Amino acid sequence: MPWYGWLIMILALGSIVGGLMLLRDSARKLPLSEEQLKRIHQRNAEMDAQDASDGKR
């Protein structure tokens, strides 16, 4: 492979890794109240039960 092929490959990999690092650094937890967390867990349990009942048919 010519030198410019390696250069393009290194630039592509660098941009991918840089984008992933930027995404990781910008990620933050959502401040949720206990009530919101309780509703989310309840909704997830309902959806899991519905999926389980749909799978048995």
PDB file of N, CA and C in Angstrom:
ATOM      1  N   MET A   1       0.858  -1.170   0.000  1.00  0.00           N
ATOM      2  CA  MET A   1       0.000   0.000   0.000  1.00  0.00           C
ATOM      3  C   MET A   1       0.909   1.240   0.000  1.00  0.00           C
ATOM      4  N   PRO A   2       0.589   2.210  -0.838  1.00  0.00           N
ATOM      5  CA  PRO A   2       1.417   3.424  -0.879  1.00  0.00           C
ATOM      6  C   PRO A   2       1.282   4.235   0.410  1.00  0.00           C
ATOM      7  N   TRP A   3       2.166   5.185   0.596  1.00  0.00           N
ATOM      8  CA  TRP A   3       2.224   5.961   1.828  1.00  0.00           C
ATOM      9  C   TRP A   3       0.941   6.745   2.065  1.00  0.00           C
ATOM     10  N   TYR A   4       0.306   7.247   0.995  1.00  0.00           N
ATOM     11  CA  TYR A   4      -0.905   8.039   1.183  1.00  0.00           C
ATOM     12  C   TYR A   4      -2.085   7.156   1.603  1.00  0.00           C
ATOM     13  N   GLY A   5      -2.051   5.891   1.267  1.00  0.00           N
ATOM     14  CA  GLY A   5      -3.081   4.954   1.743  1.00  0.00           C
ATOM     15  C   GLY A   5      -2.989   4.782   3.250  1.00  0.00           C
ATOM     16  N   TRP A   6      -1.746   4.631   3.747  1.00  0.00           N
ATOM     17  CA  TRP A   6      -1.541   4.529   5.192  1.00  0.00           C
ATOM     18  C   TRP A   6      -1.955   5.820   5.884  1.00  0.00           C
ATOM     19  N   LEU A   7      -1.654   6.953   5.250  1.00  0.00           N
ATOM     20  CA  LEU A   7      -2.023   8.247   5.837  1.00  0.00           C
ATOM     21  C   LEU A   7      -3.538   8.376   5.962  1.00  0.00           C
ATOM     22  N   ILE A   8      -4.248   7.997   4.926  1.00  0.00           N
ATOM     23  CA  ILE A   8      -5.716   8.062   4.964  1.00  0.00           C
ATOM     24  C   ILE A   8      -6.261   7.116   6.030  1.00  0.00           C
ATOM     25  N   MET A   9      -5.679   5.920   6.132  1.00  0.00           N
ATOM     26  CA  MET A   9      -6.140   4.961   7.133  1.00  0.00           C
ATOM     27  C   MET A   9      -5.895   5.489   8.549  1.00  0.00           C
ATOM     28  N   ILE A  10      -4.725   6.079   8.787  1.00  0.00           N
ATOM     29  CA  ILE A  10      -4.412   6.621  10.109  1.00  0.00           C
ATOM     30  C   ILE A  10      -5.333   7.793  10.431  1.00  0.00           C
ATOM     31  N   LEU A  11      -5.610   8.648   9.458  1.00  0.00           N
ATOM     32  CA  LEU A  11      -6.524   9.769   9.697  1.00  0.00           C
ATOM     33  C   LEU A  11      -7.943   9.278   9.999  1.00  0.00           C
ATOM     34  N   ALA A  12      -8.393   8.257   9.295  1.00  0.00           N
ATOM     35  CA  ALA A  12      -9.741   7.717   9.536  1.00  0.00           C
ATOM     36  C   ALA A  12      -9.832   7.117  10.931  1.00  0.00           C
ATOM     37  N   LEU A  13      -8.840   6.315  11.304  1.00  0.00           N
ATOM     38  CA  LEU A  13      -8.848   5.714  12.644  1.00  0.00           C
ATOM     39  C   LEU A  13      -8.746   6.785  13.730  1.00  0.00           C
ATOM     40  N   GLY A  14      -7.936   7.801  13.478  1.00  0.00           N
ATOM     41  CA  GLY A  14      -7.814   8.892  14.448  1.00  0.00           C
ATOM     42  C   GLY A  14      -9.115   9.640  14.632  1.00  0.00           C
ATOM     43  N   SER A  15      -9.845   9.867  13.541  1.00  0.00           N
ATOM     44  CA  SER A  15     -11.118  10.576  13.672  1.00  0.00           C
ATOM     45  C   SER A  15     -12.155   9.725  14.397  1.00  0.00           C
ATOM     46  N   ILE A  16     -12.134   8.409  14.172  1.00  0.00           N
ATOM     47  CA  ILE A  16     -13.064   7.518  14.875  1.00  0.00           C
ATOM     48  C   ILE A  16     -12.766   7.504  16.362  1.00  0.00           C
ATOM     49  N   VAL A  17     -11.497   7.313  16.708  1.00  0.00           N
ATOM     50  CA  VAL A  17     -11.117   7.264  18.120  1.00  0.00           C
ATOM     51  C   VAL A  17     -11.383   8.614  18.780  1.00  0.00           C
ATOM     52  N   GLY A  18     -11.058   9.706  18.092  1.00  0.00           N
ATOM     53  CA  GLY A  18     -11.317  11.039  18.640  1.00  0.00           C
ATOM     54  C   GLY A  18     -12.796  11.291  18.867  1.00  0.00           C
ATOM     55  N   GLY A  19     -13.629  10.849  17.935  1.00  0.00           N
ATOM     56  CA  GLY A  19     -15.076  11.003  18.092  1.00  0.00           C
ATOM     57  C   GLY A  19     -15.611  10.214  19.264  1.00  0.00           C
ATOM     58  N   LEU A  20     -15.104   8.989  19.435  1.00  0.00           N
ATOM     59  CA  LEU A  20     -15.538   8.171  20.575  1.00  0.00           C
ATOM     60  C   LEU A  20     -15.098   8.785  21.899  1.00  0.00           C
ATOM     61  N   MET A  21     -13.889   9.320  21.947  1.00  0.00           N
ATOM     62  CA  MET A  21     -13.416   9.956  23.179  1.00  0.00           C
ATOM     63  C   MET A  21     -14.223  11.211  23.492  1.00  0.00           C
ATOM     64  N   LEU A  22     -14.565  11.985  22.459  1.00  0.00           N
ATOM     65  CA  LEU A  22     -15.390  13.174  22.661  1.00  0.00           C
ATOM     66  C   LEU A  22     -16.777  12.795  23.167  1.00  0.00           C
ATOM     67  N   LEU A  23     -17.344  11.732  22.613  1.00  0.00           N
ATOM     68  CA  LEU A  23     -18.653  11.256  23.051  1.00  0.00           C
ATOM     69  C   LEU A  23     -18.609  10.803  24.501  1.00  0.00           C
ATOM     70  N   ARG A  24     -17.550  10.090  24.881  1.00  0.00           N
ATOM     71  CA  ARG A  24     -17.405   9.623  26.258  1.00  0.00           C
ATOM     72  C   ARG A  24     -17.270  10.799  27.224  1.00  0.00           C
ATOM     73  N   ASP A  25     -16.503  11.813  26.839  1.00  0.00           N
ATOM     74  CA  ASP A  25     -16.301  12.957  27.717  1.00  0.00           C
ATOM     75  C   ASP A  25     -17.560  13.804  27.870  1.00  0.00           C
ATOM     76  N   SER A  26     -18.397  13.838  26.831  1.00  0.00           N
ATOM     77  CA  SER A  26     -19.591  14.683  26.893  1.00  0.00           C
ATOM     78  C   SER A  26     -20.780  13.968  27.534  1.00  0.00           C
ATOM     79  N   ALA A  27     -20.663  12.665  27.749  1.00  0.00           N
ATOM     80  CA  ALA A  27     -21.761  11.901  28.361  1.00  0.00           C
ATOM     81  C   ALA A  27     -21.848  12.254  29.842  1.00  0.00           C
ATOM     82  N   ARG A  28     -23.073  12.413  30.309  1.00  0.00           N
ATOM     83  CA  ARG A  28     -23.293  12.699  31.731  1.00  0.00           C
ATOM     84  C   ARG A  28     -24.579  12.033  32.166  1.00  0.00           C
ATOM     85  N   LYS A  29     -24.671  11.774  33.429  1.00  0.00           N
ATOM     86  CA  LYS A  29     -25.859  11.121  33.958  1.00  0.00           C
ATOM     87  C   LYS A  29     -27.012  12.130  34.029  1.00  0.00           C
ATOM     88  N   LEU A  30     -28.195  11.624  33.831  1.00  0.00           N
ATOM     89  CA  LEU A  30     -29.383  12.460  33.944  1.00  0.00           C
ATOM     90  C   LEU A  30     -29.799  12.524  35.406  1.00  0.00           C
ATOM     91  N   PRO A  31     -29.985  13.720  35.912  1.00  0.00           N
ATOM     92  CA  PRO A  31     -30.447  13.817  37.303  1.00  0.00           C
ATOM     93  C   PRO A  31     -31.945  13.507  37.390  1.00  0.00           C
ATOM     94  N   LEU A  32     -32.255  12.313  37.861  1.00  0.00           N
ATOM     95  CA  LEU A  32     -33.645  11.892  37.984  1.00  0.00           C
ATOM     96  C   LEU A  32     -34.014  11.784  39.456  1.00  0.00           C
ATOM     97  N   SER A  33     -35.256  12.155  39.728  1.00  0.00           N
ATOM     98  CA  SER A  33     -35.737  12.032  41.100  1.00  0.00           C
ATOM     99  C   SER A  33     -36.094  10.574  41.379  1.00  0.00           C
ATOM    100  N   GLU A  34     -36.301  10.262  42.642  1.00  0.00           N
ATOM    101  CA  GLU A  34     -36.671   8.899  43.023  1.00  0.00           C
ATOM    102  C   GLU A  34     -38.004   8.498  42.392  1.00  0.00           C
ATOM    103  N   GLU A  35     -38.937   9.435  42.308  1.00  0.00           N
ATOM    104  CA  GLU A  35     -40.244   9.149  41.712  1.00  0.00           C
ATOM    105  C   GLU A  35     -40.094   8.807  40.230  1.00  0.00           C
ATOM    106  N   GLN A  36     -39.255   9.551  39.512  1.00  0.00           N
ATOM    107  CA  GLN A  36     -39.041   9.269  38.096  1.00  0.00           C
ATOM    108  C   GLN A  36     -38.389   7.906  37.903  1.00  0.00           C
ATOM    109  N   LEU A  37     -37.402   7.587  38.740  1.00  0.00           N
ATOM    110  CA  LEU A  37     -36.759   6.276  38.652  1.00  0.00           C
ATOM    111  C   LEU A  37     -37.746   5.155  38.936  1.00  0.00           C
ATOM    112  N   LYS A  38     -38.632   5.376  39.906  1.00  0.00           N
ATOM    113  CA  LYS A  38     -39.627   4.365  40.253  1.00  0.00           C
ATOM    114  C   LYS A  38     -40.567   4.117  39.072  1.00  0.00           C
ATOM    115  N   ARG A  39     -41.002   5.202  38.408  1.00  0.00           N
ATOM    116  CA  ARG A  39     -41.880   5.048  37.252  1.00  0.00           C
ATOM    117  C   ARG A  39     -41.177   4.349  36.098  1.00  0.00           C
ATOM    118  N   ILE A  40     -39.893   4.650  35.888  1.00  0.00           N
ATOM    119  CA  ILE A  40     -39.136   4.018  34.813  1.00  0.00           C
ATOM    120  C   ILE A  40     -39.004   2.523  35.070  1.00  0.00           C
ATOM    121  N   HIS A  41     -38.661   2.152  36.300  1.00  0.00           N
ATOM    122  CA  HIS A  41     -38.532   0.735  36.644  1.00  0.00           C
ATOM    123  C   HIS A  41     -39.866   0.010  36.515  1.00  0.00           C
ATOM    124  N   GLN A  42     -40.950   0.679  36.906  1.00  0.00           N
ATOM    125  CA  GLN A  42     -42.278   0.067  36.795  1.00  0.00           C
ATOM    126  C   GLN A  42     -42.641  -0.140  35.320  1.00  0.00           C
ATOM    127  N   ARG A  43     -42.370   0.850  34.495  1.00  0.00           N
ATOM    128  CA  ARG A  43     -42.677   0.756  33.064  1.00  0.00           C
ATOM    129  C   ARG A  43     -41.843  -0.352  32.413  1.00  0.00           C
ATOM    130  N   ASN A  44     -40.572  -0.455  32.799  1.00  0.00           N
ATOM    131  CA  ASN A  44     -39.728  -1.519  32.249  1.00  0.00           C
ATOM    132  C   ASN A  44     -40.249  -2.897  32.646  1.00  0.00           C
ATOM    133  N   ALA A  45     -40.695  -3.035  33.875  1.00  0.00           N
ATOM    134  CA  ALA A  45     -41.241  -4.313  34.326  1.00  0.00           C
ATOM    135  C   ALA A  45     -42.506  -4.659  33.554  1.00  0.00           C
ATOM    136  N   GLU A  46     -43.358  -3.659  33.297  1.00  0.00           N
ATOM    137  CA  GLU A  46     -44.579  -3.898  32.527  1.00  0.00           C
ATOM    138  C   GLU A  46     -44.241  -4.326  31.098  1.00  0.00           C
ATOM    139  N   MET A  47     -43.259  -3.675  30.496  1.00  0.00           N
ATOM    140  CA  MET A  47     -42.868  -4.021  29.129  1.00  0.00           C
ATOM    141  C   MET A  47     -42.249  -5.416  29.072  1.00  0.00           C
ATOM    142  N   ASP A  48     -41.453  -5.781  30.078  1.00  0.00           N
ATOM    143  CA  ASP A  48     -40.879  -7.121  30.120  1.00  0.00           C
ATOM    144  C   ASP A  48     -41.966  -8.177  30.258  1.00  0.00           C
ATOM    145  N   ALA A  49     -42.974  -7.898  31.080  1.00  0.00           N
ATOM    146  CA  ALA A  49     -44.066  -8.844  31.253  1.00  0.00           C
ATOM    147  C   ALA A  49     -44.866  -8.958  29.954  1.00  0.00           C
ATOM    148  N   GLN A  50     -45.069  -7.847  29.282  1.00  0.00           N
ATOM    149  CA  GLN A  50     -45.808  -7.877  28.025  1.00  0.00           C
ATOM    150  C   GLN A  50     -45.019  -8.645  26.954  1.00  0.00           C
ATOM    151  N   ASP A  51     -43.710  -8.438  26.895  1.00  0.00           N
ATOM    152  CA  ASP A  51     -42.884  -9.165  25.943  1.00  0.00           C
ATOM    153  C   ASP A  51     -42.901 -10.662  26.233  1.00  0.00           C
ATOM    154  N   ALA A  52     -42.882 -11.023  27.507  1.00  0.00           N
ATOM    155  CA  ALA A  52     -42.897 -12.432  27.891  1.00  0.00           C
ATOM    156  C   ALA A  52     -44.223 -13.073  27.489  1.00  0.00           C
ATOM    157  N   SER A  53     -45.320 -12.344  27.684  1.00  0.00           N
ATOM    158  CA  SER A  53     -46.618 -12.913  27.326  1.00  0.00           C
ATOM    159  C   SER A  53     -46.778 -12.990  25.802  1.00  0.00           C
ATOM    160  N   ASP A  54     -46.193 -12.035  25.068  1.00  0.00           N
ATOM    161  CA  ASP A  54     -46.253 -12.080  23.599  1.00  0.00           C
ATOM    162  C   ASP A  54     -45.414 -13.222  23.051  1.00  0.00           C
ATOM    163  N   GLY A  55     -44.330 -13.552  23.737  1.00  0.00           N
ATOM    164  CA  GLY A  55     -43.462 -14.635  23.280  1.00  0.00           C
ATOM    165  C   GLY A  55     -44.063 -16.009  23.491  1.00  0.00           C
ATOM    166  N   LYS A  56     -45.004 -16.143  24.421  1.00  0.00           N
ATOM    167  CA  LYS A  56     -45.604 -17.453  24.721  1.00  0.00           C
ATOM    168  C   LYS A  56     -46.674 -17.827  23.708  1.00  0.00           C
ATOM    169  N   ARG A  57     -47.161 -16.874  22.953  1.00  0.00           N
ATOM    170  CA  ARG A  57     -48.222 -17.164  21.996  1.00  0.00           C
ATOM    171  C   ARG A  57     -47.722 -17.909  20.806  1.00  0.00           C
TER     172      ARG A  57
END
